[in-house]
Amino acid sequence: MTETSTAGVAGPGRTRRDAPQQGNPVGRFFGAIALFVRQILDELRKVVRPTRHELVTYTGVVIFFVATVMMYVWGLDQLVVKLVALSFGK
């Protein structure tokens, strides 16, 4: 019985990460940083910014939702305070 090993054999599934690194380590480091910045800028170009109307609408919705949740939590807090006061006395 023979064993077949694919270690060290470059196949079609081999990625760039598996390839041996060549060149100056400092140059590779700054090249990686430059690549990272280019990718960030590419992603930022894809961002769709809201219009002024959308921004005002979304802000109003968020403020209303937060105020509603605050009132709900305040009401629960007041209920718990009253129940504790009834249970343990004033």
C-alpha atoms as a PDB file:
ATOM      1  CA  MET A   1       0.000   0.000   0.000  1.00  0.00           C
ATOM      2  CA  THR A   2       1.447   3.384  -0.944  1.00  0.00           C
ATOM      3  CA  GLU A   3       0.697   6.715   0.629  1.00  0.00           C
ATOM      4  CA  THR A   4       0.243   9.750  -1.534  1.00  0.00           C
ATOM      5  CA  SER A   5       1.016  13.124  -0.105  1.00  0.00           C
ATOM      6  CA  THR A   6       0.034  16.421  -1.619  1.00  0.00           C
ATOM      7  CA  ALA A   7       2.217  18.444   0.739  1.00  0.00           C
ATOM      8  CA  GLY A   8       4.514  20.666  -1.258  1.00  0.00           C
ATOM      9  CA  VAL A   9       2.636  20.074  -4.511  1.00  0.00           C
ATOM     10  CA  ALA A  10       1.145  23.181  -6.061  1.00  0.00           C
ATOM     11  CA  GLY A  11      -2.365  22.342  -7.152  1.00  0.00           C
ATOM     12  CA  PRO A  12      -5.178  24.439  -8.579  1.00  0.00           C
ATOM     13  CA  GLY A  13      -6.539  25.095  -5.065  1.00  0.00           C
ATOM     14  CA  ARG A  14      -3.331  26.608  -3.773  1.00  0.00           C
ATOM     15  CA  THR A  15      -3.799  30.141  -2.512  1.00  0.00           C
ATOM     16  CA  ARG A  16      -1.455  33.093  -2.437  1.00  0.00           C
ATOM     17  CA  ARG A  17      -1.202  32.702   1.331  1.00  0.00           C
ATOM     18  CA  ASP A  18       0.391  29.274   0.838  1.00  0.00           C
ATOM     19  CA  ALA A  19       3.023  30.656  -1.542  1.00  0.00           C
ATOM     20  CA  PRO A  20       6.448  31.360  -0.032  1.00  0.00           C
ATOM     21  CA  GLN A  21       7.036  35.005   0.836  1.00  0.00           C
ATOM     22  CA  GLN A  22       9.751  36.723  -1.153  1.00  0.00           C
ATOM     23  CA  GLY A  23      11.348  40.125  -0.893  1.00  0.00           C
ATOM     24  CA  ASN A  24      12.209  42.506   1.878  1.00  0.00           C
ATOM     25  CA  PRO A  25      10.094  42.003   5.042  1.00  0.00           C
ATOM     26  CA  VAL A  26       9.904  45.768   5.604  1.00  0.00           C
ATOM     27  CA  GLY A  27       8.760  46.286   2.017  1.00  0.00           C
ATOM     28  CA  ARG A  28       6.132  43.559   2.407  1.00  0.00           C
ATOM     29  CA  PHE A  29       4.928  45.203   5.627  1.00  0.00           C
ATOM     30  CA  PHE A  30       4.451  48.623   4.038  1.00  0.00           C
ATOM     31  CA  GLY A  31       3.006  47.014   0.917  1.00  0.00           C
ATOM     32  CA  ALA A  32       0.424  45.257   3.097  1.00  0.00           C
ATOM     33  CA  ILE A  33      -0.455  48.572   4.765  1.00  0.00           C
ATOM     34  CA  ALA A  34      -0.818  50.255   1.361  1.00  0.00           C
ATOM     35  CA  LEU A  35      -3.055  47.406   0.171  1.00  0.00           C
ATOM     36  CA  PHE A  36      -5.161  47.722   3.317  1.00  0.00           C
ATOM     37  CA  VAL A  37      -5.622  51.486   2.800  1.00  0.00           C
ATOM     38  CA  ARG A  38      -6.535  50.953  -0.874  1.00  0.00           C
ATOM     39  CA  GLN A  39      -9.152  48.386   0.125  1.00  0.00           C
ATOM     40  CA  ILE A  40     -10.596  50.767   2.727  1.00  0.00           C
ATOM     41  CA  LEU A  41     -10.873  53.544   0.154  1.00  0.00           C
ATOM     42  CA  ASP A  42     -12.513  51.152  -2.328  1.00  0.00           C
ATOM     43  CA  GLU A  43     -15.120  50.193   0.280  1.00  0.00           C
ATOM     44  CA  LEU A  44     -15.747  53.832   1.229  1.00  0.00           C
ATOM     45  CA  ARG A  45     -16.482  54.632  -2.420  1.00  0.00           C
ATOM     46  CA  LYS A  46     -19.340  52.096  -2.270  1.00  0.00           C
ATOM     47  CA  VAL A  47     -21.054  53.852   0.652  1.00  0.00           C
ATOM     48  CA  VAL A  48     -24.378  55.469  -0.178  1.00  0.00           C
ATOM     49  CA  ARG A  49     -24.932  58.534   1.972  1.00  0.00           C
ATOM     50  CA  PRO A  50     -28.493  59.429   2.991  1.00  0.00           C
ATOM     51  CA  THR A  51     -30.150  62.600   1.775  1.00  0.00           C
ATOM     52  CA  ARG A  52     -30.976  65.357   4.237  1.00  0.00           C
ATOM     53  CA  HIS A  53     -34.633  64.279   4.330  1.00  0.00           C
ATOM     54  CA  GLU A  54     -33.715  60.657   5.036  1.00  0.00           C
ATOM     55  CA  LEU A  55     -31.255  61.716   7.737  1.00  0.00           C
ATOM     56  CA  VAL A  56     -33.860  63.867   9.500  1.00  0.00           C
ATOM     57  CA  THR A  57     -36.451  61.088   9.219  1.00  0.00           C
ATOM     58  CA  TYR A  58     -34.111  58.401  10.591  1.00  0.00           C
ATOM     59  CA  THR A  59     -32.978  60.690  13.411  1.00  0.00           C
ATOM     60  CA  GLY A  60     -36.581  61.395  14.391  1.00  0.00           C
ATOM     61  CA  VAL A  61     -37.426  57.690  14.386  1.00  0.00           C
ATOM     62  CA  VAL A  62     -34.419  56.871  16.576  1.00  0.00           C
ATOM     63  CA  ILE A  63     -35.203  59.652  19.066  1.00  0.00           C
ATOM     64  CA  PHE A  64     -38.856  58.560  19.266  1.00  0.00           C
ATOM     65  CA  PHE A  65     -37.884  54.893  19.774  1.00  0.00           C
ATOM     66  CA  VAL A  66     -35.323  55.710  22.472  1.00  0.00           C
ATOM     67  CA  ALA A  67     -37.794  57.978  24.290  1.00  0.00           C
ATOM     68  CA  THR A  68     -40.452  55.250  24.150  1.00  0.00           C
ATOM     69  CA  VAL A  69     -38.089  52.633  25.563  1.00  0.00           C
ATOM     70  CA  MET A  70     -36.971  55.074  28.275  1.00  0.00           C
ATOM     71  CA  MET A  71     -40.586  55.671  29.334  1.00  0.00           C
ATOM     72  CA  TYR A  72     -41.254  51.909  29.378  1.00  0.00           C
ATOM     73  CA  VAL A  73     -38.205  51.219  31.554  1.00  0.00           C
ATOM     74  CA  TRP A  74     -39.076  54.161  33.848  1.00  0.00           C
ATOM     75  CA  GLY A  75     -42.603  52.765  34.257  1.00  0.00           C
ATOM     76  CA  LEU A  76     -41.261  49.312  35.131  1.00  0.00           C
ATOM     77  CA  ASP A  77     -38.866  50.893  37.604  1.00  0.00           C
ATOM     78  CA  GLN A  78     -41.689  52.810  39.288  1.00  0.00           C
ATOM     79  CA  LEU A  79     -43.761  49.616  39.484  1.00  0.00           C
ATOM     80  CA  VAL A  80     -40.883  47.716  41.106  1.00  0.00           C
ATOM     81  CA  VAL A  81     -40.314  50.567  43.582  1.00  0.00           C
ATOM     82  CA  LYS A  82     -43.978  50.500  44.616  1.00  0.00           C
ATOM     83  CA  LEU A  83     -43.992  46.696  44.929  1.00  0.00           C
ATOM     84  CA  VAL A  84     -40.841  46.770  47.077  1.00  0.00           C
ATOM     85  CA  ALA A  85     -42.325  49.534  49.227  1.00  0.00           C
ATOM     86  CA  LEU A  86     -45.512  47.510  49.730  1.00  0.00           C
ATOM     87  CA  SER A  87     -43.540  44.336  50.495  1.00  0.00           C
ATOM     88  CA  PHE A  88     -41.034  45.751  52.954  1.00  0.00           C
ATOM     89  CA  GLY A  89     -42.815  48.844  54.188  1.00  0.00           C
ATOM     90  CA  LYS A  90     -41.694  52.419  53.996  1.00  0.00           C
END
